[in-house]
Amino acid sequence: MIAHSFRGQVFGPAQRLHGATYVVDLEFRRPELDTEGLVVDINAARVEVAGALGVAFAGPDEATPDADLVVHCSGHGEGLVTALSLAGFEARVVELSWYGERRVTLPLGSAFHARRLQLISSQVGNIARAQRARWDFSRRMALALRLLEDPRLDVLITGEDPFTDLPAVMARLSRSPGDTLCHRIRYE
């Protein structure tokens, strides 16, 4: 997932909020997923996106529990609670969402400890210490741009506008995002 925080007056009401530019973590990890790998989303319309990316889809109530790895990126505390509930014994839950100043309440009681879950944060703005010697910003950006050339990812683009319309687009999307996954901005 490549993401950034919006800064500056040009972003209007979306300043200092987090925005996903591309939601591609699933596609990058897909070859590593086992036969149980699936996308869980409250929006049933996303079944088509999952199908286009070659992965299974389920709503939260239909998802298979006891997953070894759960990657959460909804940006909502309720989604993270669901992610924790789907994780199996000694599983890892990787949190890709950014909550800004919002507080998130999680059930970290007996089930969390009894199952020995790992909750790992992911921050895309920095390279992990173990990889810093080999992965500088330029190498990481080159890889991200190469991976984004995959035409299958076009299914994630749900709208497009020119840069000159960005203030109005940001105002509209921050008020009512609808089914927006990734909104492309064209620099003309």
Protein backbone atom coordinates (compact mmCIF):
# COMPACT_ATOMS: atom_id res chain seq x y z
CA MET A 1 0.00 0.00 0.00
CA ILE A 2 1.41 3.35 -0.96
CA ALA A 3 -0.16 6.11 1.07
CA HIS A 4 0.42 9.60 2.31
CA SER A 5 -1.01 12.24 4.61
CA PHE A 6 -2.60 15.19 2.86
CA ARG A 7 -0.96 18.52 3.73
CA GLY A 8 -1.60 22.00 2.41
CA GLN A 9 -4.58 24.17 1.58
CA VAL A 10 -5.03 22.49 -1.81
CA PHE A 11 -6.47 19.46 0.01
CA GLY A 12 -9.22 21.49 1.69
CA PRO A 13 -11.16 19.48 4.30
CA ALA A 14 -8.93 16.42 3.82
CA GLN A 15 -5.83 18.14 5.27
CA ARG A 16 -3.92 15.97 7.74
CA LEU A 17 -6.13 12.99 6.92
CA HIS A 18 -4.69 9.78 5.57
CA GLY A 19 -5.48 8.77 2.01
CA ALA A 20 -4.72 5.55 0.21
CA THR A 21 -3.32 6.28 -3.21
CA TYR A 22 -3.22 2.63 -4.18
CA VAL A 23 -4.54 -0.39 -2.31
CA VAL A 24 -2.21 -2.96 -3.77
CA ASP A 25 -0.87 -4.82 -0.74
CA LEU A 26 -3.22 -7.70 -1.52
CA GLU A 27 -1.93 -8.04 -5.06
CA PHE A 28 1.70 -7.96 -3.91
CA ARG A 29 1.05 -10.69 -1.35
CA ARG A 30 -1.31 -12.84 -3.45
CA PRO A 31 1.34 -15.37 -4.54
CA GLU A 32 2.15 -15.97 -0.85
CA LEU A 33 -1.47 -16.59 0.19
CA ASP A 34 -2.45 -20.16 0.87
CA THR A 35 -5.70 -21.76 -0.24
CA GLU A 36 -7.51 -20.04 2.63
CA GLY A 37 -6.43 -16.54 1.53
CA LEU A 38 -9.33 -14.18 0.99
CA VAL A 39 -10.47 -10.56 1.05
CA VAL A 40 -12.93 -9.65 3.80
CA ASP A 41 -14.99 -6.50 3.25
CA ILE A 42 -18.31 -5.14 4.50
CA ASN A 43 -19.07 -3.93 0.97
CA ALA A 44 -20.40 -6.92 -0.99
CA ALA A 45 -19.76 -5.06 -4.26
CA ARG A 46 -16.02 -5.65 -3.71
CA VAL A 47 -16.49 -9.30 -4.68
CA GLU A 48 -15.88 -8.21 -8.28
CA VAL A 49 -12.59 -6.52 -7.35
CA ALA A 50 -11.44 -9.60 -5.44
CA GLY A 51 -12.39 -11.82 -8.37
CA ALA A 52 -10.47 -9.63 -10.82
CA LEU A 53 -7.40 -9.95 -8.58
CA GLY A 54 -7.83 -13.71 -8.36
CA VAL A 55 -8.68 -14.03 -4.67
CA ALA A 56 -11.73 -15.23 -2.77
CA PHE A 57 -14.15 -12.83 -1.06
CA ALA A 58 -16.25 -13.00 2.10
CA GLY A 59 -18.19 -10.64 4.30
CA PRO A 60 -17.07 -10.40 7.95
CA ASP A 61 -19.71 -12.91 9.09
CA GLU A 62 -18.71 -15.45 6.42
CA ALA A 63 -14.93 -15.20 6.82
CA THR A 64 -12.99 -18.27 7.84
CA PRO A 65 -11.45 -17.85 11.31
CA ASP A 66 -8.05 -19.12 12.45
CA ALA A 67 -5.98 -17.32 9.81
CA ASP A 68 -2.20 -17.35 10.17
CA LEU A 69 -1.88 -13.81 8.80
CA VAL A 70 -4.49 -11.04 8.72
CA VAL A 71 -3.70 -7.75 6.97
CA HIS A 72 -6.10 -4.98 8.00
CA CYS A 73 -6.48 -1.72 6.07
CA SER A 74 -10.05 -0.42 6.50
CA GLY A 75 -9.11 2.54 8.67
CA HIS A 76 -11.92 1.68 11.10
CA GLY A 77 -11.51 0.28 14.61
CA GLU A 78 -14.39 -2.14 14.03
CA GLY A 79 -12.45 -3.63 11.14
CA LEU A 80 -9.38 -4.14 13.31
CA VAL A 81 -11.56 -5.86 15.93
CA THR A 82 -12.80 -8.19 13.16
CA ALA A 83 -9.21 -8.79 12.02
CA LEU A 84 -8.22 -9.81 15.55
CA SER A 85 -11.22 -12.15 15.77
CA LEU A 86 -10.21 -13.89 12.52
CA ALA A 87 -6.61 -14.49 13.63
CA GLY A 88 -5.73 -17.99 14.79
CA PHE A 89 -3.42 -19.17 17.54
CA GLU A 90 -0.07 -17.33 17.44
CA ALA A 91 -1.17 -15.49 14.29
CA ARG A 92 0.06 -12.10 13.13
CA VAL A 93 -2.28 -9.17 12.45
CA VAL A 94 -0.61 -6.44 10.39
CA GLU A 95 -2.29 -3.03 10.69
CA LEU A 96 -1.92 -0.87 7.57
CA SER A 97 -4.47 1.77 8.60
CA TRP A 98 -3.53 5.16 9.94
CA TYR A 99 -5.89 6.64 12.52
CA GLY A 100 -4.37 10.08 12.98
CA GLU A 101 -5.57 11.51 16.28
CA ARG A 102 -8.48 9.06 16.62
CA ARG A 103 -8.44 6.53 19.46
CA VAL A 104 -9.27 2.90 18.76
CA THR A 105 -10.63 0.59 21.44
CA LEU A 106 -9.58 -3.04 21.05
CA PRO A 107 -10.51 -6.23 22.95
CA LEU A 108 -7.04 -7.12 24.22
CA GLY A 109 -8.32 -9.31 27.02
CA SER A 110 -8.19 -13.07 27.47
CA ALA A 111 -8.74 -14.18 23.84
CA PHE A 112 -5.98 -11.87 22.59
CA HIS A 113 -3.52 -13.22 25.15
CA ALA A 114 -4.74 -16.82 25.16
CA ARG A 115 -4.23 -17.01 21.38
CA ARG A 116 -0.83 -15.26 21.69
CA LEU A 117 -1.65 -12.86 18.85
CA GLN A 118 0.89 -10.42 17.41
CA LEU A 119 -0.40 -6.98 16.40
CA ILE A 120 2.15 -5.36 14.09
CA SER A 121 1.96 -1.82 12.76
CA SER A 122 3.08 -0.98 9.26
CA GLN A 123 4.30 2.49 8.36
CA VAL A 124 5.03 3.03 4.68
CA GLY A 125 6.99 6.25 5.19
CA ASN A 126 10.04 4.44 6.57
CA ILE A 127 12.07 1.45 5.56
CA ALA A 128 12.51 -1.20 8.26
CA ARG A 129 15.91 -1.05 9.95
CA ALA A 130 16.81 -4.57 8.77
CA GLN A 131 16.36 -3.54 5.10
CA ARG A 132 17.76 0.03 5.19
CA ALA A 133 21.23 -1.01 4.08
CA ARG A 134 19.82 -2.55 0.88
CA TRP A 135 16.64 -0.55 0.24
CA ASP A 136 16.96 3.20 -0.16
CA PHE A 137 14.09 5.45 -1.22
CA SER A 138 14.97 5.26 -4.93
CA ARG A 139 15.11 1.46 -5.02
CA ARG A 140 11.83 1.15 -3.12
CA MET A 141 10.10 3.69 -5.38
CA ALA A 142 11.38 1.98 -8.53
CA LEU A 143 9.98 -1.36 -7.34
CA ALA A 144 6.62 0.18 -6.39
CA LEU A 145 6.29 1.88 -9.78
CA ARG A 146 7.22 -1.34 -11.60
CA LEU A 147 4.64 -3.34 -9.63
CA LEU A 148 1.98 -0.71 -10.33
CA GLU A 149 2.37 -1.30 -14.08
CA ASP A 150 0.37 -4.52 -13.70
CA PRO A 151 -2.88 -3.90 -15.65
CA ARG A 152 -4.85 -6.09 -13.22
CA LEU A 153 -4.54 -3.28 -10.67
CA ASP A 154 -6.66 -1.02 -12.89
CA VAL A 155 -9.73 -2.59 -11.25
CA LEU A 156 -8.80 -0.60 -8.13
CA ILE A 157 -9.18 2.76 -9.93
CA THR A 158 -12.74 3.89 -9.26
CA GLY A 159 -12.49 7.46 -10.52
CA GLU A 160 -10.24 10.01 -12.15
CA ASP A 161 -9.95 13.80 -12.28
CA PRO A 162 -7.38 16.39 -13.37
CA PHE A 163 -5.10 17.97 -10.78
CA THR A 164 -6.79 21.34 -11.33
CA ASP A 165 -9.98 19.86 -9.82
CA LEU A 166 -8.22 18.43 -6.76
CA PRO A 167 -9.70 20.81 -4.13
CA ALA A 168 -13.26 20.00 -5.25
CA VAL A 169 -12.48 16.28 -5.59
CA MET A 170 -11.00 16.12 -2.07
CA ALA A 171 -13.98 17.98 -0.63
CA ARG A 172 -16.39 15.61 -2.38
CA LEU A 173 -14.53 12.43 -1.39
CA SER A 174 -14.04 13.52 2.22
CA ARG A 175 -17.80 14.23 2.50
CA SER A 176 -19.02 11.13 0.71
CA PRO A 177 -16.46 8.60 -0.52
CA GLY A 178 -19.08 6.07 -1.64
CA ASP A 179 -17.42 3.02 -3.16
CA THR A 180 -14.15 4.83 -3.92
CA LEU A 181 -11.10 2.61 -3.65
CA CYS A 182 -8.45 4.60 -5.47
CA HIS A 183 -9.15 7.92 -7.14
CA ARG A 184 -6.53 8.79 -9.76
CA ILE A 185 -5.39 12.38 -10.19
CA ARG A 186 -4.02 13.25 -13.63
CA TYR A 187 -1.19 15.76 -13.80
CA GLU A 188 -1.69 17.31 -17.25
